[in-house]
Each structure stands twice: as C-alpha cells, then as structure tokens.
N, C-alpha and C. Protein backbone atom coordinates (compact mmCIF):
# COMPACT_ATOMS: atom_id res chain seq x y z
N MET A 1 -0.58 11.05 -43.63
CA MET A 1 -0.46 10.11 -44.73
C MET A 1 -0.43 8.70 -44.15
N SER A 2 -1.13 7.77 -44.79
CA SER A 2 -1.24 6.42 -44.24
C SER A 2 0.05 5.63 -44.46
N MET A 3 0.20 4.60 -43.67
CA MET A 3 1.39 3.77 -43.76
C MET A 3 1.44 3.05 -45.12
N GLU A 4 0.28 2.64 -45.65
CA GLU A 4 0.25 1.98 -46.96
C GLU A 4 0.75 2.91 -48.05
N LYS A 5 0.40 4.19 -47.96
CA LYS A 5 0.83 5.15 -48.97
C LYS A 5 2.36 5.33 -48.93
N HIS A 6 2.91 5.41 -47.73
CA HIS A 6 4.37 5.51 -47.58
C HIS A 6 5.06 4.27 -48.13
N LEU A 7 4.49 3.11 -47.83
CA LEU A 7 5.06 1.86 -48.32
C LEU A 7 5.07 1.84 -49.84
N LYS A 8 3.95 2.24 -50.45
CA LYS A 8 3.88 2.27 -51.92
C LYS A 8 4.90 3.24 -52.51
N GLU A 9 5.06 4.39 -51.91
CA GLU A 9 6.06 5.36 -52.39
C GLU A 9 7.47 4.78 -52.33
N LEU A 10 7.77 4.08 -51.25
CA LEU A 10 9.08 3.44 -51.10
C LEU A 10 9.28 2.37 -52.18
N LEU A 11 8.28 1.55 -52.40
CA LEU A 11 8.38 0.50 -53.42
C LEU A 11 8.51 1.09 -54.82
N ILE A 12 7.77 2.14 -55.11
CA ILE A 12 7.85 2.80 -56.42
C ILE A 12 9.26 3.34 -56.64
N HIS A 13 9.83 3.95 -55.62
CA HIS A 13 11.19 4.47 -55.73
C HIS A 13 12.18 3.35 -56.08
N HIS A 14 12.07 2.22 -55.38
CA HIS A 14 12.98 1.10 -55.65
C HIS A 14 12.74 0.50 -57.03
N LEU A 15 11.49 0.41 -57.45
CA LEU A 15 11.20 -0.11 -58.79
C LEU A 15 11.78 0.79 -59.87
N LYS A 16 11.66 2.10 -59.70
CA LYS A 16 12.21 3.03 -60.68
C LYS A 16 13.72 2.86 -60.80
N GLN A 17 14.39 2.66 -59.67
CA GLN A 17 15.84 2.47 -59.67
C GLN A 17 16.23 1.20 -60.44
N LYS A 18 15.44 0.15 -60.29
CA LYS A 18 15.74 -1.10 -60.99
C LYS A 18 15.45 -0.99 -62.49
N LEU A 19 14.32 -0.38 -62.85
CA LEU A 19 13.93 -0.34 -64.26
C LEU A 19 14.74 0.64 -65.09
N ILE A 20 15.30 1.66 -64.46
CA ILE A 20 16.09 2.63 -65.22
C ILE A 20 17.33 1.96 -65.81
N LYS A 21 17.80 0.89 -65.17
CA LYS A 21 18.97 0.16 -65.67
C LYS A 21 18.68 -0.56 -66.98
N VAL A 22 17.41 -0.88 -67.24
CA VAL A 22 17.05 -1.56 -68.49
C VAL A 22 16.27 -0.63 -69.43
N LYS A 23 16.47 0.67 -69.25
CA LYS A 23 15.89 1.70 -70.12
C LYS A 23 14.36 1.70 -70.12
N GLN A 24 13.78 1.44 -68.94
CA GLN A 24 12.33 1.51 -68.80
C GLN A 24 11.99 2.53 -67.72
N ASP A 25 10.79 3.09 -67.82
CA ASP A 25 10.37 4.12 -66.88
C ASP A 25 9.01 3.74 -66.32
N LEU A 26 8.67 4.33 -65.19
CA LEU A 26 7.36 4.11 -64.58
C LEU A 26 6.60 5.41 -64.54
N GLU A 27 5.30 5.31 -64.76
CA GLU A 27 4.42 6.48 -64.70
C GLU A 27 3.22 6.11 -63.84
N LEU A 28 2.84 6.99 -62.93
CA LEU A 28 1.66 6.73 -62.09
C LEU A 28 0.40 6.73 -62.95
N VAL A 29 -0.51 5.81 -62.66
CA VAL A 29 -1.78 5.73 -63.36
C VAL A 29 -2.76 6.65 -62.64
N GLN A 30 -3.56 7.39 -63.41
CA GLN A 30 -4.49 8.37 -62.82
C GLN A 30 -5.57 7.71 -61.96
N GLU A 31 -6.10 6.57 -62.42
CA GLU A 31 -7.17 5.90 -61.68
C GLU A 31 -6.76 4.47 -61.34
N PRO A 32 -5.99 4.30 -60.26
CA PRO A 32 -5.56 2.94 -59.91
C PRO A 32 -6.74 2.09 -59.45
N PRO A 33 -6.65 0.79 -59.44
CA PRO A 33 -5.53 -0.03 -59.85
C PRO A 33 -5.49 -0.21 -61.35
N PRO A 34 -4.39 -0.57 -61.92
CA PRO A 34 -3.07 -0.75 -61.35
C PRO A 34 -2.45 0.59 -60.99
N ASP A 35 -1.38 0.54 -60.24
CA ASP A 35 -0.74 1.75 -59.75
C ASP A 35 0.22 2.40 -60.74
N LEU A 36 0.91 1.56 -61.53
CA LEU A 36 1.97 2.07 -62.39
C LEU A 36 1.87 1.54 -63.82
N LYS A 37 2.33 2.36 -64.74
CA LYS A 37 2.43 1.98 -66.14
C LYS A 37 3.92 1.84 -66.44
N ILE A 38 4.32 0.74 -67.08
CA ILE A 38 5.72 0.54 -67.47
C ILE A 38 5.88 1.06 -68.89
N LEU A 39 6.83 1.98 -69.06
CA LEU A 39 7.06 2.59 -70.37
C LEU A 39 8.47 2.28 -70.86
N SER A 40 8.58 2.08 -72.16
CA SER A 40 9.87 1.92 -72.80
C SER A 40 9.86 2.77 -74.06
N TYR A 41 10.70 3.79 -74.09
CA TYR A 41 10.76 4.74 -75.20
C TYR A 41 9.38 5.33 -75.50
N GLY A 42 8.61 5.62 -74.45
CA GLY A 42 7.32 6.26 -74.60
C GLY A 42 6.15 5.33 -74.86
N MET A 43 6.42 4.05 -75.07
CA MET A 43 5.35 3.08 -75.33
C MET A 43 5.02 2.29 -74.07
N THR A 44 3.74 2.05 -73.83
CA THR A 44 3.32 1.26 -72.68
C THR A 44 3.58 -0.21 -72.96
N ILE A 45 4.34 -0.84 -72.08
CA ILE A 45 4.62 -2.27 -72.27
C ILE A 45 4.01 -3.13 -71.17
N GLY A 46 3.40 -2.52 -70.18
CA GLY A 46 2.75 -3.29 -69.12
C GLY A 46 2.36 -2.41 -67.94
N TYR A 47 1.82 -3.07 -66.94
CA TYR A 47 1.35 -2.38 -65.74
C TYR A 47 1.84 -3.12 -64.50
N ILE A 48 2.01 -2.37 -63.43
CA ILE A 48 2.37 -2.95 -62.13
C ILE A 48 1.31 -2.52 -61.13
N ASP A 49 0.79 -3.50 -60.40
CA ASP A 49 -0.17 -3.21 -59.34
C ASP A 49 0.47 -3.59 -58.01
N ILE A 50 0.67 -2.60 -57.16
CA ILE A 50 1.27 -2.83 -55.85
C ILE A 50 0.13 -3.01 -54.85
N ILE A 51 0.16 -4.14 -54.17
CA ILE A 51 -0.93 -4.47 -53.25
C ILE A 51 -0.40 -4.50 -51.82
N THR A 52 -1.15 -3.88 -50.92
CA THR A 52 -0.88 -4.03 -49.49
C THR A 52 -1.93 -5.01 -48.95
N GLU A 53 -1.77 -5.43 -47.72
CA GLU A 53 -2.66 -6.44 -47.14
C GLU A 53 -4.12 -6.02 -47.17
N LYS A 54 -4.40 -4.74 -47.06
CA LYS A 54 -5.78 -4.26 -46.96
C LYS A 54 -6.45 -4.04 -48.32
N GLU A 55 -5.73 -4.23 -49.41
CA GLU A 55 -6.25 -3.86 -50.72
C GLU A 55 -6.73 -5.03 -51.58
N ILE A 56 -6.87 -6.20 -51.02
CA ILE A 56 -7.29 -7.35 -51.80
C ILE A 56 -8.81 -7.40 -51.79
N ASN A 57 -9.43 -7.17 -52.96
CA ASN A 57 -10.89 -7.19 -53.05
C ASN A 57 -11.34 -7.60 -54.45
N PRO A 58 -12.60 -8.00 -54.61
CA PRO A 58 -13.12 -8.46 -55.91
C PRO A 58 -13.07 -7.39 -57.01
N ASP A 59 -13.23 -6.12 -56.67
CA ASP A 59 -13.18 -5.06 -57.69
C ASP A 59 -11.82 -5.02 -58.36
N ARG A 60 -10.79 -5.21 -57.59
CA ARG A 60 -9.42 -5.19 -58.11
C ARG A 60 -9.22 -6.34 -59.11
N ILE A 61 -9.76 -7.50 -58.80
CA ILE A 61 -9.64 -8.66 -59.68
C ILE A 61 -10.34 -8.40 -61.01
N GLU A 62 -11.48 -7.75 -60.98
CA GLU A 62 -12.19 -7.42 -62.23
C GLU A 62 -11.37 -6.46 -63.09
N LYS A 63 -10.69 -5.52 -62.46
CA LYS A 63 -9.83 -4.59 -63.22
C LYS A 63 -8.65 -5.33 -63.83
N TRP A 64 -8.10 -6.32 -63.08
CA TRP A 64 -7.01 -7.13 -63.63
C TRP A 64 -7.48 -7.88 -64.86
N LYS A 65 -8.68 -8.46 -64.78
CA LYS A 65 -9.23 -9.22 -65.91
C LYS A 65 -9.38 -8.33 -67.14
N LYS A 66 -9.86 -7.11 -66.93
CA LYS A 66 -10.04 -6.19 -68.05
C LYS A 66 -8.70 -5.84 -68.69
N LEU A 67 -7.70 -5.53 -67.86
CA LEU A 67 -6.36 -5.21 -68.39
C LEU A 67 -5.80 -6.35 -69.22
N ILE A 68 -5.91 -7.55 -68.70
CA ILE A 68 -5.37 -8.72 -69.39
C ILE A 68 -6.14 -8.99 -70.68
N SER A 69 -7.46 -8.82 -70.64
CA SER A 69 -8.26 -9.07 -71.85
C SER A 69 -7.95 -8.06 -72.94
N ASP A 70 -7.44 -6.89 -72.56
CA ASP A 70 -7.04 -5.88 -73.55
C ASP A 70 -5.65 -6.17 -74.11
N GLY A 71 -5.01 -7.25 -73.64
CA GLY A 71 -3.70 -7.65 -74.16
C GLY A 71 -2.51 -7.05 -73.43
N ASN A 72 -2.74 -6.48 -72.26
CA ASN A 72 -1.65 -5.87 -71.49
C ASN A 72 -0.96 -6.88 -70.59
N LYS A 73 0.33 -6.65 -70.35
CA LYS A 73 1.09 -7.43 -69.39
C LYS A 73 0.83 -6.85 -68.00
N LEU A 74 0.66 -7.71 -67.01
CA LEU A 74 0.39 -7.25 -65.66
C LEU A 74 1.34 -7.93 -64.68
N VAL A 75 1.96 -7.11 -63.84
CA VAL A 75 2.80 -7.60 -62.75
C VAL A 75 2.14 -7.18 -61.45
N ILE A 76 1.92 -8.15 -60.57
CA ILE A 76 1.32 -7.88 -59.27
C ILE A 76 2.42 -7.98 -58.23
N LEU A 77 2.60 -6.93 -57.46
CA LEU A 77 3.61 -6.90 -56.40
C LEU A 77 2.88 -6.91 -55.07
N LEU A 78 3.13 -7.94 -54.26
CA LEU A 78 2.37 -8.11 -53.03
C LEU A 78 3.27 -8.54 -51.88
N PRO A 79 2.76 -8.44 -50.64
CA PRO A 79 3.55 -8.85 -49.48
C PRO A 79 3.89 -10.35 -49.57
N LYS A 80 5.09 -10.70 -49.19
CA LYS A 80 5.55 -12.08 -49.30
C LYS A 80 4.60 -13.06 -48.61
N GLU A 81 4.09 -12.68 -47.45
CA GLU A 81 3.23 -13.60 -46.70
C GLU A 81 1.84 -13.77 -47.33
N GLU A 82 1.49 -12.94 -48.30
CA GLU A 82 0.20 -13.03 -48.98
C GLU A 82 0.28 -13.78 -50.32
N LYS A 83 1.47 -14.22 -50.71
CA LYS A 83 1.65 -14.81 -52.04
C LYS A 83 0.79 -16.05 -52.24
N LEU A 84 0.76 -16.95 -51.29
CA LEU A 84 -0.03 -18.18 -51.44
C LEU A 84 -1.51 -17.86 -51.60
N LYS A 85 -2.01 -16.97 -50.78
CA LYS A 85 -3.43 -16.59 -50.83
C LYS A 85 -3.80 -15.99 -52.19
N ILE A 86 -2.97 -15.08 -52.68
CA ILE A 86 -3.24 -14.42 -53.97
C ILE A 86 -3.07 -15.40 -55.13
N THR A 87 -2.06 -16.26 -55.06
CA THR A 87 -1.85 -17.23 -56.12
C THR A 87 -3.06 -18.17 -56.24
N GLU A 88 -3.59 -18.62 -55.12
CA GLU A 88 -4.80 -19.46 -55.14
C GLU A 88 -5.97 -18.70 -55.76
N LEU A 89 -6.10 -17.44 -55.40
CA LEU A 89 -7.18 -16.61 -55.95
C LEU A 89 -7.02 -16.43 -57.46
N LEU A 90 -5.78 -16.23 -57.91
CA LEU A 90 -5.52 -16.08 -59.34
C LEU A 90 -5.85 -17.36 -60.10
N TRP A 91 -5.52 -18.53 -59.54
CA TRP A 91 -5.86 -19.79 -60.19
C TRP A 91 -7.38 -19.95 -60.26
N LYS A 92 -8.05 -19.62 -59.17
CA LYS A 92 -9.51 -19.74 -59.11
C LYS A 92 -10.18 -18.86 -60.18
N GLU A 93 -9.63 -17.68 -60.41
CA GLU A 93 -10.19 -16.73 -61.37
C GLU A 93 -9.68 -16.96 -62.80
N GLY A 94 -8.75 -17.91 -62.99
CA GLY A 94 -8.22 -18.21 -64.31
C GLY A 94 -7.18 -17.20 -64.79
N LEU A 95 -6.52 -16.52 -63.88
CA LEU A 95 -5.54 -15.49 -64.23
C LEU A 95 -4.09 -15.88 -63.94
N ALA A 96 -3.88 -17.01 -63.30
CA ALA A 96 -2.55 -17.35 -62.80
C ALA A 96 -1.49 -17.39 -63.89
N GLU A 97 -1.81 -17.93 -65.06
CA GLU A 97 -0.79 -18.01 -66.09
C GLU A 97 -0.67 -16.74 -66.92
N LYS A 98 -1.52 -15.76 -66.64
CA LYS A 98 -1.52 -14.53 -67.44
C LYS A 98 -0.87 -13.34 -66.73
N VAL A 99 -0.53 -13.50 -65.45
CA VAL A 99 0.09 -12.40 -64.71
C VAL A 99 1.42 -12.87 -64.11
N SER A 100 2.27 -11.91 -63.82
CA SER A 100 3.51 -12.19 -63.10
C SER A 100 3.34 -11.71 -61.67
N VAL A 101 3.84 -12.48 -60.73
CA VAL A 101 3.68 -12.14 -59.32
C VAL A 101 5.06 -11.90 -58.72
N GLY A 102 5.22 -10.74 -58.10
CA GLY A 102 6.44 -10.41 -57.36
C GLY A 102 6.08 -10.18 -55.91
N THR A 103 7.05 -10.31 -55.04
CA THR A 103 6.77 -10.11 -53.62
C THR A 103 7.73 -9.09 -53.03
N TYR A 104 7.34 -8.56 -51.91
CA TYR A 104 8.21 -7.67 -51.14
C TYR A 104 8.07 -7.99 -49.67
N GLU A 105 9.12 -7.70 -48.93
CA GLU A 105 9.07 -7.83 -47.48
C GLU A 105 10.06 -6.84 -46.89
N ILE A 106 9.75 -6.36 -45.73
CA ILE A 106 10.64 -5.41 -45.08
C ILE A 106 11.29 -6.14 -43.91
N SER A 107 12.61 -6.15 -43.91
CA SER A 107 13.37 -6.81 -42.84
C SER A 107 14.20 -5.78 -42.11
N LEU A 108 14.08 -5.79 -40.82
CA LEU A 108 14.89 -4.89 -39.99
C LEU A 108 15.86 -5.74 -39.18
N PHE A 109 17.12 -5.36 -39.20
CA PHE A 109 18.13 -6.06 -38.42
C PHE A 109 18.74 -5.05 -37.46
N LEU A 110 18.59 -5.33 -36.19
CA LEU A 110 19.12 -4.44 -35.16
C LEU A 110 20.29 -5.11 -34.45
N PRO A 111 21.28 -4.34 -34.04
CA PRO A 111 22.42 -4.92 -33.34
C PRO A 111 22.05 -5.41 -31.94
C-alpha cells in the first residue's frame, strides 16, 4: 500500500472523529476526486477532497469546477506547504471564493 493511501486513511479517521461531534458523517466516494461526501442526517451537504503532493493536476480542477457548478460545497484538504501554490491556482481558475481550503502537516517530536 502506498504512503499516500496510508496518509489519506489517517486523515479520514481524524476527520470522522471531528465531524461526529457535530452530528455529521463521512462516506467514501466511489469515483474520486473528491474523496469524501459529508452527510448530515442522510443528506449530502458537501464534499472533501484530500490532496497529497503528487495529486495536483488539471483533471482534478475540472472535477472541482463541475462539483461547484452543481451547487455543492467543496473543502480541499492539502499539505500545509502546498497552500500558497493551490490558492494561486484556485484564484487563476476563478474558484478561490467558492471553495474552503484546509491544511494538514505531520510533526514528529523526538526526545
């Protein structure tokens, strides 16, 4: 199993723990991207797309545009060091004000 897949599984686990507190659930999407569907009482209220460094490509941006044009809320979760690059890309494509951007980073502290 690839490192990106393990990272996504870890992030999904943490997201589920956070959303359960506000009575929301996550469901895997059959044909990603996006990776997850946000559900509240069985209704879809948005999507989350988890991006690793290797997954930034034009096809993904076209899928984001389609989701947004259908009236869906989209949250993009990406590595902290990639935020500036993706934000510039979102502005260039006219999507910056239509999506929410979250970041993640892994910090290890050793004694």
